[in-house]
Amino acid sequence: MDFERTKRKKIEISLIPLIDVSMFLLIFFMVAGSIEKFEIIPVDPPVAQSGKLMDEGHIVILLGRHGEIIVGDDIVPMEEMQKMLAPDLQANPNKVVTVKADATVSANRVIEVMDAIKAAGGRNLSVVTQSKAQLHVE
């Protein structure tokens, strides 16, 4: 008895799905990488004529126009701010603390925050301002 041999189909590996997935990932990471970080509360810093551009530092403190204080991503009462900053600043006293206050915040409030940073052990402090060139007139 003579049986006819069946031929095996050749398996072809197509590169088109691999290219599609690669392009999708490329576009995804390009879009995700271009998204800017937004602040939890809107802060409009005061205008300064002089100053130098610095890295924002490791600890960012936001002072909102309604009296709120935000350290990192947490709203913190003024009384607890020193306790919250102390462990980080005692571990590394040269860590930069950036204060970003709204232009409508009183100077006394900013000074209270600066005093709390100093009492917690902070040595390097930067205050965020905006230059006149960055102002947009609408």
Protein backbone atom coordinates (compact mmCIF):
# COMPACT_ATOMS: atom_id res chain seq x y z
CA MET A 1 0.00 0.00 0.00
CA ASP A 2 1.37 3.26 -1.04
CA PHE A 3 0.28 6.34 0.97
CA GLU A 4 0.60 9.79 -0.35
CA ARG A 5 2.77 11.92 1.86
CA THR A 6 1.24 15.08 3.18
CA LYS A 7 3.35 18.11 2.84
CA ARG A 8 3.79 20.31 5.88
CA LYS A 9 2.84 23.89 5.43
CA LYS A 10 5.71 26.27 5.85
CA ILE A 11 5.21 28.56 8.82
CA GLU A 12 6.01 32.13 7.94
CA ILE A 13 6.71 34.61 10.69
CA SER A 14 5.35 37.97 9.74
CA LEU A 15 7.12 41.07 11.00
CA ILE A 16 4.16 43.37 10.41
CA PRO A 17 2.54 42.82 13.86
CA LEU A 18 5.92 43.42 15.51
CA ILE A 19 6.33 46.68 13.60
CA ASP A 20 2.78 47.74 14.54
CA VAL A 21 3.39 47.12 18.24
CA SER A 22 6.77 48.90 18.11
CA MET A 23 5.22 51.97 16.47
CA PHE A 24 2.38 51.99 19.00
CA LEU A 25 4.86 51.89 21.92
CA LEU A 26 7.00 54.61 20.33
CA ILE A 27 4.02 56.94 19.92
CA PHE A 28 2.76 56.16 23.44
CA PHE A 29 6.08 57.04 25.10
CA MET A 30 6.50 60.16 22.98
CA VAL A 31 3.10 61.45 24.09
CA ALA A 32 3.54 60.36 27.73
CA GLY A 33 6.98 62.00 27.91
CA SER A 34 5.75 65.37 26.72
CA ILE A 35 3.09 65.84 29.38
CA GLU A 36 4.05 68.59 31.80
CA LYS A 37 3.75 68.23 35.54
CA PHE A 38 0.96 70.36 36.89
CA GLU A 39 0.67 71.91 40.31
CA ILE A 40 -2.04 70.78 42.72
CA ILE A 41 -3.17 74.37 43.24
CA PRO A 42 -2.68 77.23 40.78
CA VAL A 43 0.22 79.39 41.90
CA ASP A 44 1.20 82.64 40.18
CA PRO A 45 4.69 83.55 41.49
CA PRO A 46 5.65 87.21 42.00
CA VAL A 47 7.68 89.06 39.37
CA ALA A 48 11.40 89.68 39.97
CA GLN A 49 13.83 91.74 37.92
CA SER A 50 16.87 89.67 38.85
CA GLY A 51 17.55 86.10 39.74
CA LYS A 52 19.00 82.96 38.27
CA LEU A 53 17.40 79.83 36.97
CA MET A 54 17.83 76.92 39.37
CA ASP A 55 16.72 73.35 39.54
CA GLU A 56 13.52 73.15 41.59
CA GLY A 57 15.24 71.10 44.26
CA HIS A 58 14.17 68.05 46.14
CA ILE A 59 11.48 69.46 48.42
CA VAL A 60 8.85 71.78 46.93
CA ILE A 61 6.54 73.81 49.16
CA LEU A 62 3.55 75.56 47.56
CA LEU A 63 1.82 78.49 49.24
CA GLY A 64 -1.64 79.07 47.77
CA ARG A 65 -3.57 82.29 47.69
CA HIS A 66 -6.12 80.93 50.18
CA GLY A 67 -3.55 80.12 52.87
CA GLU A 68 -2.97 76.45 52.02
CA ILE A 69 0.51 74.96 52.38
CA ILE A 70 1.40 71.94 50.26
CA VAL A 71 4.59 69.97 50.89
CA GLY A 72 5.18 67.50 48.08
CA ASP A 73 1.61 66.36 47.38
CA ASP A 74 0.16 66.74 50.89
CA ILE A 75 -1.70 69.67 52.42
CA VAL A 76 0.02 70.40 55.71
CA PRO A 77 -0.99 72.77 58.51
CA MET A 78 1.63 75.35 59.48
CA GLU A 79 2.07 73.73 62.90
CA GLU A 80 3.02 70.34 61.43
CA MET A 81 5.24 71.54 58.58
CA GLN A 82 8.40 71.62 60.71
CA LYS A 83 7.75 68.06 61.99
CA MET A 84 7.21 66.84 58.43
CA LEU A 85 10.39 68.45 57.03
CA ALA A 86 12.71 67.61 59.95
CA PRO A 87 13.50 63.95 59.09
CA ASP A 88 14.46 64.75 55.47
CA LEU A 89 16.49 67.83 56.37
CA GLN A 90 18.31 66.20 59.29
CA ALA A 91 19.34 63.32 57.05
CA ASN A 92 20.63 65.74 54.41
CA PRO A 93 20.88 69.36 55.62
CA ASN A 94 22.15 70.51 52.20
CA LYS A 95 18.94 69.43 50.46
CA VAL A 96 17.41 72.32 48.50
CA VAL A 97 13.97 73.46 49.66
CA THR A 98 11.99 75.38 47.03
CA VAL A 99 9.21 77.73 48.12
CA LYS A 100 6.71 78.60 45.42
CA ALA A 101 4.32 81.22 46.77
CA ASP A 102 1.48 82.97 44.99
CA ALA A 103 2.01 86.69 44.41
CA THR A 104 -0.97 87.50 46.64
CA VAL A 105 0.46 85.69 49.69
CA SER A 106 1.62 88.10 52.37
CA ALA A 107 5.31 88.46 53.09
CA ASN A 108 4.68 87.53 56.74
CA ARG A 109 3.31 84.14 55.67
CA VAL A 110 6.35 83.46 53.47
CA ILE A 111 8.68 84.44 56.33
CA GLU A 112 6.82 82.07 58.71
CA VAL A 113 7.37 79.23 56.23
CA MET A 114 11.06 80.15 55.87
CA ASP A 115 11.46 80.16 59.65
CA ALA A 116 9.85 76.72 59.89
CA ILE A 117 12.25 75.41 57.22
CA LYS A 118 15.23 76.82 59.13
CA ALA A 119 13.95 75.37 62.42
CA ALA A 120 13.59 71.96 60.73
CA GLY A 121 17.28 72.08 59.76
CA GLY A 122 17.15 73.47 56.22
CA ARG A 123 20.13 75.45 54.94
CA ASN A 124 19.50 75.84 51.21
CA LEU A 125 16.34 77.70 50.30
CA SER A 126 15.18 78.97 46.92
CA VAL A 127 12.13 81.10 46.20
CA VAL A 128 10.40 80.78 42.82
CA THR A 129 9.66 83.99 40.93
CA GLN A 130 8.91 84.77 37.33
CA SER A 131 10.69 87.24 35.10
CA LYS A 132 8.90 90.04 33.28
CA ALA A 133 9.59 88.24 30.00
CA GLN A 134 7.44 85.30 31.10
CA LEU A 135 4.38 87.46 31.77
CA HIS A 136 1.59 86.97 29.28
CA VAL A 137 -0.73 89.88 28.63
CA GLU A 138 -4.18 88.81 27.40
